[in-house]
Amino acid sequence: MKSTRFSFGSAAAFLGALLIVVSLSFSLASCKTDNDDDDPILLVGKWQDSSNFIYEISKNEFSNYGEGFDSYAGNNLVISITSNDFSSGYIYIQYTRAADENWNYTTDKTKAPDIGKWYAISYKGLTASSIQISGAYKYDGKTSTETLEEAMAEFTIENGYFAMYSDCVKISD
């Protein structure tokens, strides 16, 4: 009678080798080169519009400000890409700085109840040197949501947010 231990051992070794080859194939096929212009990492940097507003985007934070003043800001940044070429999508943040009832921007949650809640920014036309950016705004619309999932459902172009975009150029990485 033949030993079944050898058969099972050979099958396991073959399947293990096959799994490694398949994994390497997927890893190598999905690699991007440094000169790919359709990488969402192009979002990272400082962007400036014609009114000298700065939109600063890192891997974890978003901040909007100008010379001598602050606007909104947030962390826990999440990117949702809406185009195959990565040129458009949404940036979701959890407010760390928001407007109070008089439209003064603060980090004091007792004055700005949106702090800690979720907000969205739309972007389109992303290239290595330019982008169009719009914060979510709609007359009688929401200024924030409790959860990321709610922000993704509420703050959309289809729901009437993002009517006006700022044309920006990249001023630093």
Protein backbone atom coordinates (compact mmCIF):
# COMPACT_ATOMS: atom_id res chain seq x y z
CA MET A 1 0.00 0.00 0.00
CA LYS A 2 1.31 3.46 -0.92
CA SER A 3 1.95 6.03 1.75
CA THR A 4 -0.55 8.89 1.62
CA ARG A 5 1.77 11.13 3.66
CA PHE A 6 3.99 11.71 0.64
CA SER A 7 1.03 12.59 -1.59
CA PHE A 8 -0.40 15.08 0.88
CA GLY A 9 3.03 16.59 1.54
CA SER A 10 3.68 17.05 -2.20
CA ALA A 11 0.24 18.59 -2.73
CA ALA A 12 0.75 21.02 0.16
CA ALA A 13 4.18 22.05 -1.13
CA PHE A 14 2.78 22.56 -4.65
CA LEU A 15 -0.16 24.63 -3.38
CA GLY A 16 2.16 26.72 -1.18
CA ALA A 17 4.46 27.48 -4.13
CA LEU A 18 1.47 28.28 -6.34
CA LEU A 19 0.11 30.69 -3.72
CA ILE A 20 3.47 32.52 -3.54
CA VAL A 21 3.67 32.84 -7.34
CA VAL A 22 0.11 34.17 -7.59
CA SER A 23 0.71 36.65 -4.73
CA LEU A 24 3.89 37.95 -6.36
CA SER A 25 2.10 38.29 -9.70
CA PHE A 26 -0.62 40.48 -8.18
CA SER A 27 1.92 42.54 -6.24
CA LEU A 28 4.07 43.26 -9.27
CA ALA A 29 1.09 43.93 -11.54
CA SER A 30 -0.28 46.61 -9.19
CA CYS A 31 2.99 48.52 -8.70
CA LYS A 32 3.02 52.13 -9.86
CA THR A 33 6.04 54.05 -11.01
CA ASP A 34 7.13 57.42 -9.61
CA ASN A 35 6.11 59.25 -12.77
CA ASP A 36 2.48 58.12 -12.84
CA ASP A 37 0.32 61.28 -12.87
CA ASP A 38 -2.84 59.45 -11.87
CA ASP A 39 -1.80 58.65 -8.31
CA PRO A 40 -4.03 60.10 -5.55
CA ILE A 41 -0.84 60.98 -3.63
CA LEU A 42 -0.74 64.00 -5.97
CA LEU A 43 -3.33 65.51 -3.64
CA VAL A 44 -0.70 65.90 -0.93
CA GLY A 45 0.77 69.39 -0.82
CA LYS A 46 -0.16 73.05 -0.66
CA TRP A 47 -2.58 74.39 -3.25
CA GLN A 48 -3.36 78.08 -3.77
CA ASP A 49 -6.28 79.74 -5.53
CA SER A 50 -6.45 83.19 -7.17
CA SER A 51 -7.73 84.76 -3.91
CA ASN A 52 -4.62 83.45 -2.10
CA PHE A 53 -6.54 80.85 -0.11
CA ILE A 54 -4.32 77.90 0.77
CA TYR A 55 -5.60 74.33 0.81
CA GLU A 56 -3.03 72.21 2.61
CA ILE A 57 -3.47 68.46 2.28
CA SER A 58 -1.39 65.80 4.00
CA LYS A 59 -2.02 62.07 4.22
CA ASN A 60 -4.00 62.62 7.44
CA GLU A 61 -5.12 66.27 7.55
CA PHE A 62 -6.73 69.04 5.52
CA SER A 63 -6.48 72.75 6.31
CA ASN A 64 -7.85 75.84 4.59
CA TYR A 65 -6.44 79.28 5.41
CA GLY A 66 -5.16 82.55 4.02
CA GLU A 67 -2.76 85.30 4.96
CA GLY A 68 -3.65 86.34 8.50
CA PHE A 69 -6.70 84.09 8.93
CA ASP A 70 -7.72 80.49 9.39
CA SER A 71 -10.68 78.71 7.87
CA TYR A 72 -11.81 75.13 8.43
CA ALA A 73 -9.51 72.17 9.10
CA GLY A 74 -9.78 68.51 9.95
CA ASN A 75 -8.01 65.23 10.47
CA ASN A 76 -8.73 61.52 9.93
CA LEU A 77 -8.64 62.30 6.20
CA VAL A 78 -10.32 59.77 3.91
CA ILE A 79 -10.16 59.95 0.10
CA SER A 80 -12.90 58.54 -2.12
CA ILE A 81 -11.84 58.48 -5.77
CA THR A 82 -14.68 58.87 -8.29
CA SER A 83 -12.83 58.62 -11.61
CA ASN A 84 -10.75 55.87 -13.19
CA ASP A 85 -7.81 58.23 -13.67
CA PHE A 86 -7.84 59.46 -10.02
CA SER A 87 -8.49 63.05 -11.20
CA SER A 88 -11.68 63.55 -9.18
CA GLY A 89 -13.15 62.50 -5.89
CA TYR A 90 -14.03 63.50 -2.38
CA ILE A 91 -11.90 64.24 0.67
CA TYR A 92 -13.60 63.57 4.00
CA ILE A 93 -12.33 65.09 7.24
CA GLN A 94 -13.34 65.18 10.85
CA TYR A 95 -13.42 68.87 11.81
CA THR A 96 -10.68 70.13 14.15
CA ARG A 97 -11.39 73.79 13.33
CA ALA A 98 -14.82 75.05 12.30
CA ALA A 99 -16.98 78.17 12.19
CA ASP A 100 -18.89 79.45 15.18
CA GLU A 101 -22.28 81.15 14.86
CA ASN A 102 -20.57 84.40 13.72
CA TRP A 103 -18.42 82.64 11.11
CA ASN A 104 -15.26 82.99 13.20
CA TYR A 105 -13.13 79.86 12.96
CA THR A 106 -12.12 78.20 16.20
CA THR A 107 -10.92 74.91 17.67
CA ASP A 108 -13.22 75.38 20.68
CA LYS A 109 -15.96 72.74 20.45
CA THR A 110 -18.18 74.74 22.83
CA LYS A 111 -18.27 77.55 20.26
CA ALA A 112 -18.24 75.48 17.05
CA PRO A 113 -20.48 72.41 17.38
CA ASP A 114 -19.23 70.95 14.05
CA ILE A 115 -15.85 70.11 15.63
CA GLY A 116 -15.45 66.34 15.81
CA LYS A 117 -18.05 65.79 13.10
CA TRP A 118 -17.50 64.88 9.42
CA TYR A 119 -17.28 67.19 6.39
CA ALA A 120 -16.44 66.76 2.71
CA ILE A 121 -14.42 68.53 0.05
CA SER A 122 -14.81 67.70 -3.64
CA TYR A 123 -11.89 67.83 -6.04
CA LYS A 124 -11.66 67.48 -9.81
CA GLY A 125 -9.18 68.10 -12.60
CA LEU A 126 -6.27 66.83 -10.48
CA THR A 127 -2.87 66.98 -12.20
CA ALA A 128 0.63 67.24 -10.78
CA SER A 129 0.34 71.06 -10.84
CA SER A 130 -3.36 71.99 -10.65
CA ILE A 131 -6.67 71.05 -9.06
CA GLN A 132 -10.18 72.38 -8.59
CA ILE A 133 -11.44 72.28 -4.99
CA SER A 134 -14.88 72.89 -3.47
CA GLY A 135 -16.03 72.62 0.12
CA ALA A 136 -19.48 71.16 0.70
CA TYR A 137 -22.08 73.92 0.75
CA LYS A 138 -25.76 74.07 -0.03
CA TYR A 139 -28.28 76.69 1.08
CA ASP A 140 -30.20 75.05 3.93
CA GLY A 141 -27.85 72.08 3.66
CA LYS A 142 -25.90 70.37 6.41
CA THR A 143 -22.51 71.63 7.60
CA SER A 144 -21.45 68.29 9.09
CA THR A 145 -22.58 64.78 9.91
CA GLU A 146 -22.04 62.51 12.89
CA THR A 147 -20.37 59.69 10.94
CA LEU A 148 -18.17 59.22 7.89
CA GLU A 149 -20.85 57.05 6.29
CA GLU A 150 -23.42 59.83 6.70
CA ALA A 151 -20.99 62.35 5.17
CA MET A 152 -20.43 60.06 2.18
CA ALA A 153 -24.17 59.81 1.62
CA GLU A 154 -25.01 63.49 2.26
CA PHE A 155 -22.18 65.51 0.73
CA THR A 156 -22.42 64.66 -2.95
CA ILE A 157 -22.62 66.59 -6.19
CA GLU A 158 -25.92 64.81 -6.88
CA ASN A 159 -27.36 66.19 -3.61
CA GLY A 160 -26.65 69.77 -4.67
CA TYR A 161 -23.39 70.41 -2.81
CA PHE A 162 -20.20 71.63 -4.55
CA ALA A 163 -21.63 74.18 -6.98
CA MET A 164 -18.51 76.40 -7.04
CA TYR A 165 -14.89 75.28 -7.37
CA SER A 166 -11.67 77.19 -6.77
CA ASP A 167 -8.99 76.79 -9.44
CA CYS A 168 -5.74 76.07 -7.61
CA VAL A 169 -2.10 75.60 -8.46
CA LYS A 170 0.37 73.55 -6.47
CA ILE A 171 2.84 75.74 -4.58
CA SER A 172 4.69 73.01 -2.66
CA ASP A 173 4.70 69.29 -1.96
